[in-house]
Amino acid sequence: MGIAERMAAAERIREAEEARDVLRAALTEVGVTLPSLGLDCVSLAADPPYPLVELGRCAPRTARQLAAALSAGTAPGDRS
């Protein structure tokens, strides 16, 4: 992989980390914690990496909290 490809891969990873952090912060605001929230290791190991945000596993109670928070929220892009 050349320098340009490595830089593009690093930028994709930074974007995925930022998306994970934004999601974690938004979930925290509504009282939801996804303990396994992170980047998917398999997608990082691809050549070139195509990072995915892994939501992971959670207890049924957390799943219900997440569903309630989503139901009470606005549609994506409607936040002002």
C-alpha atoms as a PDB file:
ATOM      1  CA  MET A   1       0.000   0.000   0.000  1.00  0.00           C
ATOM      2  CA  GLY A   2       1.395   3.378  -1.011  1.00  0.00           C
ATOM      3  CA  ILE A   3       1.541   6.568   1.006  1.00  0.00           C
ATOM      4  CA  ALA A   4      -1.689   7.978  -0.474  1.00  0.00           C
ATOM      5  CA  GLU A   5      -3.563   4.757   0.287  1.00  0.00           C
ATOM      6  CA  ARG A   6      -2.212   4.693   3.853  1.00  0.00           C
ATOM      7  CA  MET A   7      -3.282   8.290   4.385  1.00  0.00           C
ATOM      8  CA  ALA A   8      -6.764   7.535   3.011  1.00  0.00           C
ATOM      9  CA  ALA A   9      -7.020   4.469   5.264  1.00  0.00           C
ATOM     10  CA  ALA A  10      -5.937   6.495   8.303  1.00  0.00           C
ATOM     11  CA  GLU A  11      -8.567   9.126   7.489  1.00  0.00           C
ATOM     12  CA  ARG A  12     -11.288   6.469   7.234  1.00  0.00           C
ATOM     13  CA  ILE A  13     -10.250   5.119  10.624  1.00  0.00           C
ATOM     14  CA  ARG A  14     -10.312   8.635  12.151  1.00  0.00           C
ATOM     15  CA  GLU A  15     -13.799   9.178  10.679  1.00  0.00           C
ATOM     16  CA  ALA A  16     -15.011   5.879  12.159  1.00  0.00           C
ATOM     17  CA  GLU A  17     -13.539   6.780  15.570  1.00  0.00           C
ATOM     18  CA  GLU A  18     -15.251  10.160  15.429  1.00  0.00           C
ATOM     19  CA  ALA A  19     -18.579   8.559  14.467  1.00  0.00           C
ATOM     20  CA  ARG A  20     -18.219   6.122  17.379  1.00  0.00           C
ATOM     21  CA  ASP A  21     -17.495   8.971  19.772  1.00  0.00           C
ATOM     22  CA  VAL A  22     -20.438  11.049  18.514  1.00  0.00           C
ATOM     23  CA  LEU A  23     -22.742   8.048  18.890  1.00  0.00           C
ATOM     24  CA  ARG A  24     -21.423   7.294  22.391  1.00  0.00           C
ATOM     25  CA  ALA A  25     -22.007  10.916  23.437  1.00  0.00           C
ATOM     26  CA  ALA A  26     -25.538  10.954  21.999  1.00  0.00           C
ATOM     27  CA  LEU A  27     -26.385   7.690  23.725  1.00  0.00           C
ATOM     28  CA  THR A  28     -24.977   8.981  27.012  1.00  0.00           C
ATOM     29  CA  GLU A  29     -27.240  12.040  26.756  1.00  0.00           C
ATOM     30  CA  VAL A  30     -30.290   9.758  26.780  1.00  0.00           C
ATOM     31  CA  GLY A  31     -28.921   7.448  29.478  1.00  0.00           C
ATOM     32  CA  VAL A  32     -27.924   4.528  27.253  1.00  0.00           C
ATOM     33  CA  THR A  33     -24.550   2.788  27.480  1.00  0.00           C
ATOM     34  CA  LEU A  34     -23.514   0.195  24.917  1.00  0.00           C
ATOM     35  CA  PRO A  35     -20.621  -1.560  26.674  1.00  0.00           C
ATOM     36  CA  SER A  36     -19.186  -3.073  23.493  1.00  0.00           C
ATOM     37  CA  LEU A  37     -19.398   0.067  21.339  1.00  0.00           C
ATOM     38  CA  GLY A  38     -16.169   0.338  19.349  1.00  0.00           C
ATOM     39  CA  LEU A  39     -14.546  -0.237  15.997  1.00  0.00           C
ATOM     40  CA  ASP A  40     -14.904  -3.622  14.340  1.00  0.00           C
ATOM     41  CA  CYS A  41     -11.488  -5.327  14.399  1.00  0.00           C
ATOM     42  CA  VAL A  42     -12.149  -7.431  11.296  1.00  0.00           C
ATOM     43  CA  SER A  43     -12.967  -4.387   9.178  1.00  0.00           C
ATOM     44  CA  LEU A  44      -9.771  -2.714  10.397  1.00  0.00           C
ATOM     45  CA  ALA A  45      -7.724  -5.727   9.314  1.00  0.00           C
ATOM     46  CA  ALA A  46      -8.910  -5.556   5.699  1.00  0.00           C
ATOM     47  CA  ASP A  47      -6.478  -4.341   3.060  1.00  0.00           C
ATOM     48  CA  PRO A  48      -7.252  -1.505   2.692  1.00  0.00           C
ATOM     49  CA  PRO A  49      -9.119  -1.046   5.972  1.00  0.00           C
ATOM     50  CA  TYR A  50     -12.832  -0.299   5.733  1.00  0.00           C
ATOM     51  CA  PRO A  51     -13.616   0.537   9.360  1.00  0.00           C
ATOM     52  CA  LEU A  52     -17.087  -0.164  10.695  1.00  0.00           C
ATOM     53  CA  VAL A  53     -18.566   0.940  14.008  1.00  0.00           C
ATOM     54  CA  GLU A  54     -19.460  -2.141  16.048  1.00  0.00           C
ATOM     55  CA  LEU A  55     -22.469  -1.583  18.299  1.00  0.00           C
ATOM     56  CA  GLY A  56     -21.813  -4.840  20.115  1.00  0.00           C
ATOM     57  CA  ARG A  57     -23.919  -6.691  22.609  1.00  0.00           C
ATOM     58  CA  CYS A  58     -26.108  -5.326  25.353  1.00  0.00           C
ATOM     59  CA  ALA A  59     -28.543  -6.532  27.957  1.00  0.00           C
ATOM     60  CA  PRO A  60     -32.261  -6.610  27.110  1.00  0.00           C
ATOM     61  CA  ARG A  61     -32.830  -3.649  29.451  1.00  0.00           C
ATOM     62  CA  THR A  62     -30.295  -1.588  27.509  1.00  0.00           C
ATOM     63  CA  ALA A  63     -31.891  -2.617  24.215  1.00  0.00           C
ATOM     64  CA  ARG A  64     -35.249  -1.385  25.513  1.00  0.00           C
ATOM     65  CA  GLN A  65     -33.679   1.892  26.690  1.00  0.00           C
ATOM     66  CA  LEU A  66     -32.152   2.370  23.252  1.00  0.00           C
ATOM     67  CA  ALA A  67     -35.461   1.631  21.536  1.00  0.00           C
ATOM     68  CA  ALA A  68     -37.262   4.108  23.803  1.00  0.00           C
ATOM     69  CA  ALA A  69     -34.653   6.791  23.140  1.00  0.00           C
ATOM     70  CA  LEU A  70     -34.926   6.270  19.391  1.00  0.00           C
ATOM     71  CA  SER A  71     -38.714   6.328  19.505  1.00  0.00           C
ATOM     72  CA  ALA A  72     -38.704   9.593  21.476  1.00  0.00           C
ATOM     73  CA  GLY A  73     -36.105  11.262  19.266  1.00  0.00           C
ATOM     74  CA  THR A  74     -36.312  13.033  15.953  1.00  0.00           C
ATOM     75  CA  ALA A  75     -35.589  11.590  12.547  1.00  0.00           C
ATOM     76  CA  PRO A  76     -31.948  11.711  11.397  1.00  0.00           C
ATOM     77  CA  GLY A  77     -31.071  15.149  10.084  1.00  0.00           C
ATOM     78  CA  ASP A  78     -33.986  16.839  11.912  1.00  0.00           C
ATOM     79  CA  ARG A  79     -31.909  18.050  14.867  1.00  0.00           C
ATOM     80  CA  SER A  80     -31.496  21.797  15.073  1.00  0.00           C
END
